[in-house]
Protein backbone atom coordinates (compact mmCIF):
# COMPACT_ATOMS: atom_id res chain seq x y z
CA MET A 1 69.20 59.79 171.66
CA ASP A 2 67.90 56.82 173.62
CA ILE A 3 70.75 55.23 175.62
CA ARG A 4 69.62 51.69 174.71
CA LYS A 5 69.69 52.53 171.02
CA GLU A 6 73.13 54.09 171.37
CA PHE A 7 74.52 50.95 173.03
CA ARG A 8 72.91 48.74 170.43
CA GLU A 9 74.56 50.80 167.66
CA GLU A 10 77.97 50.55 169.36
CA ASP A 11 77.47 46.84 169.92
CA LYS A 12 76.55 46.36 166.27
CA GLU A 13 79.68 48.24 165.23
CA SER A 14 81.83 46.09 167.56
CA VAL A 15 80.40 42.93 166.04
CA LYS A 16 81.13 44.24 162.53
CA VAL A 17 84.72 45.12 163.50
CA ALA A 18 85.19 41.60 164.89
CA GLU A 19 83.79 40.13 161.65
CA LEU A 20 86.13 42.31 159.60
CA ARG A 21 89.14 41.16 161.60
CA ARG A 22 88.25 37.51 160.97
CA VAL A 23 88.25 37.94 157.19
CA GLU A 24 91.44 36.61 155.60
CA GLN A 25 92.21 35.99 151.95
CA GLY A 26 93.86 32.61 152.47
CA GLY A 27 93.17 30.42 149.45
CA LYS A 28 90.38 32.64 148.10
CA THR A 29 90.76 34.61 144.92
CA ILE A 30 91.20 38.32 145.44
CA GLU A 31 87.69 38.85 144.08
CA GLU A 32 86.16 36.38 146.56
CA PHE A 33 88.13 37.92 149.40
CA MET A 34 87.15 41.48 148.46
CA GLN A 35 83.48 40.56 148.32
CA GLU A 36 83.70 39.13 151.83
CA PHE A 37 85.84 42.07 153.04
CA ARG A 38 83.45 44.68 151.64
CA LYS A 39 80.51 42.93 153.28
CA ALA A 40 82.33 42.91 156.62
CA VAL A 41 83.27 46.60 156.27
CA ARG A 42 79.65 47.71 156.16
CA GLU A 43 78.63 49.22 159.47
CA SER A 44 82.10 48.58 160.97
CA GLY A 45 82.83 52.28 161.27
CA TYR A 46 86.11 51.79 159.40
CA GLU A 47 86.97 54.28 156.69
CA ARG A 48 89.94 55.93 155.05
CA ARG A 49 93.34 54.98 156.48
CA PRO A 50 92.16 52.46 159.12
CA LEU A 51 90.18 50.67 156.40
CA VAL A 52 93.23 50.55 154.11
CA GLU A 53 95.31 49.18 157.00
CA GLU A 54 92.79 46.39 157.64
CA PHE A 55 92.75 45.54 153.93
CA ARG A 56 96.56 45.39 153.86
CA ARG A 57 96.59 43.04 156.86
CA ARG A 58 94.01 40.70 155.39
CA ILE A 59 95.31 40.12 151.83
CA ASN A 60 97.89 37.48 151.01
CA THR A 61 101.51 38.48 151.49
CA THR A 62 102.37 38.07 147.81
CA ILE A 63 99.66 40.45 146.63
CA TYR A 64 100.51 42.88 149.41
CA GLN A 65 104.20 42.88 148.38
CA ARG A 66 103.29 43.50 144.75
CA LEU A 67 101.03 46.38 145.76
CA ILE A 68 103.76 47.96 147.85
CA GLU A 69 106.36 47.49 145.11
CA SER A 70 104.13 48.94 142.42
CA GLU A 71 104.74 52.44 141.15
CA TRP A 72 101.22 53.49 142.01
CA GLN A 73 100.59 55.85 144.87
CA LEU A 74 97.79 54.07 146.68
CA GLY A 75 95.76 56.05 149.16
CA LEU A 76 92.04 55.43 148.90
CA ILE A 77 90.62 51.99 149.55
CA GLU A 78 89.10 51.87 146.06
CA GLN A 79 92.60 52.33 144.62
CA TRP A 80 93.80 49.38 146.68
CA TYR A 81 90.87 47.28 145.48
CA ASP A 82 91.42 48.17 141.83
CA LYS A 83 95.18 47.63 141.91
CA ALA A 84 94.87 44.32 143.78
CA ILE A 85 92.44 43.03 141.15
CA ALA A 86 94.69 44.23 138.31
CA LEU A 87 97.78 42.61 139.82
CA ASN A 88 95.92 39.38 140.43
CA ARG A 89 94.63 39.28 136.85
CA ASN A 90 98.13 39.97 135.48
CA TRP A 91 99.55 37.20 137.64
CA LYS A 92 96.90 34.74 136.45
CA GLU A 93 97.50 35.72 132.83
CA SER A 94 101.26 35.27 133.19
CA ARG A 95 100.69 31.80 134.71
CA ARG A 96 98.43 30.82 131.80
CA GLU A 97 101.03 32.11 129.32
CA GLU A 98 103.81 30.16 131.05
CA GLU A 99 101.71 27.01 130.92
CA ARG A 100 100.90 27.60 127.26
CA LEU A 101 104.56 28.14 126.40
CA ARG A 102 105.60 25.12 128.44
CA GLY A 103 103.03 23.07 126.53
CA GLN A 104 104.38 24.33 123.21
CA GLY A 105 107.91 23.50 124.27
CA ASP A 106 106.86 19.96 125.09
CA ASN A 107 105.06 19.64 121.75
CA ARG A 108 108.07 20.93 119.82
CA ALA A 109 110.28 18.33 121.44
CA LEU A 110 107.87 15.57 120.41
CA ALA A 111 107.04 16.91 116.95
CA PRO A 112 108.94 15.54 113.96
CA ARG A 113 111.59 17.85 112.56
CA VAL A 114 110.80 19.45 109.23
CA ASN A 115 113.52 19.52 106.60
CA HIS A 116 113.64 22.99 105.03
CA GLY A 117 116.26 22.06 102.45
CA GLU A 118 119.08 21.54 104.93
CA ALA A 119 121.24 18.50 104.62
CA LEU A 120 120.49 15.85 107.24
């Protein structure tokens, strides 16, 4: 192998690792974050356990805690991706349901009472 090519490959990998380590979920949805994370993973040389460790470090603490507390045995990175998306979707759905129920509660308080034959 040509020494210049070998150094260029290592340099490329180092750049990709640096990119990967800059990726953080922050205010992004898990889907947005994962798209950026997967892009940064390409050609980084990360796989298996080191890749899972980087993913764990980069997701928001709340999602990470839920993943750790889940009953699933997570090993492969694809399992982490799938479970993170599922947990995020469940969380969003529960928030929408809470808002819907809160809205119904407010409407019930404002709605006129219906007399179903009871004495007033």
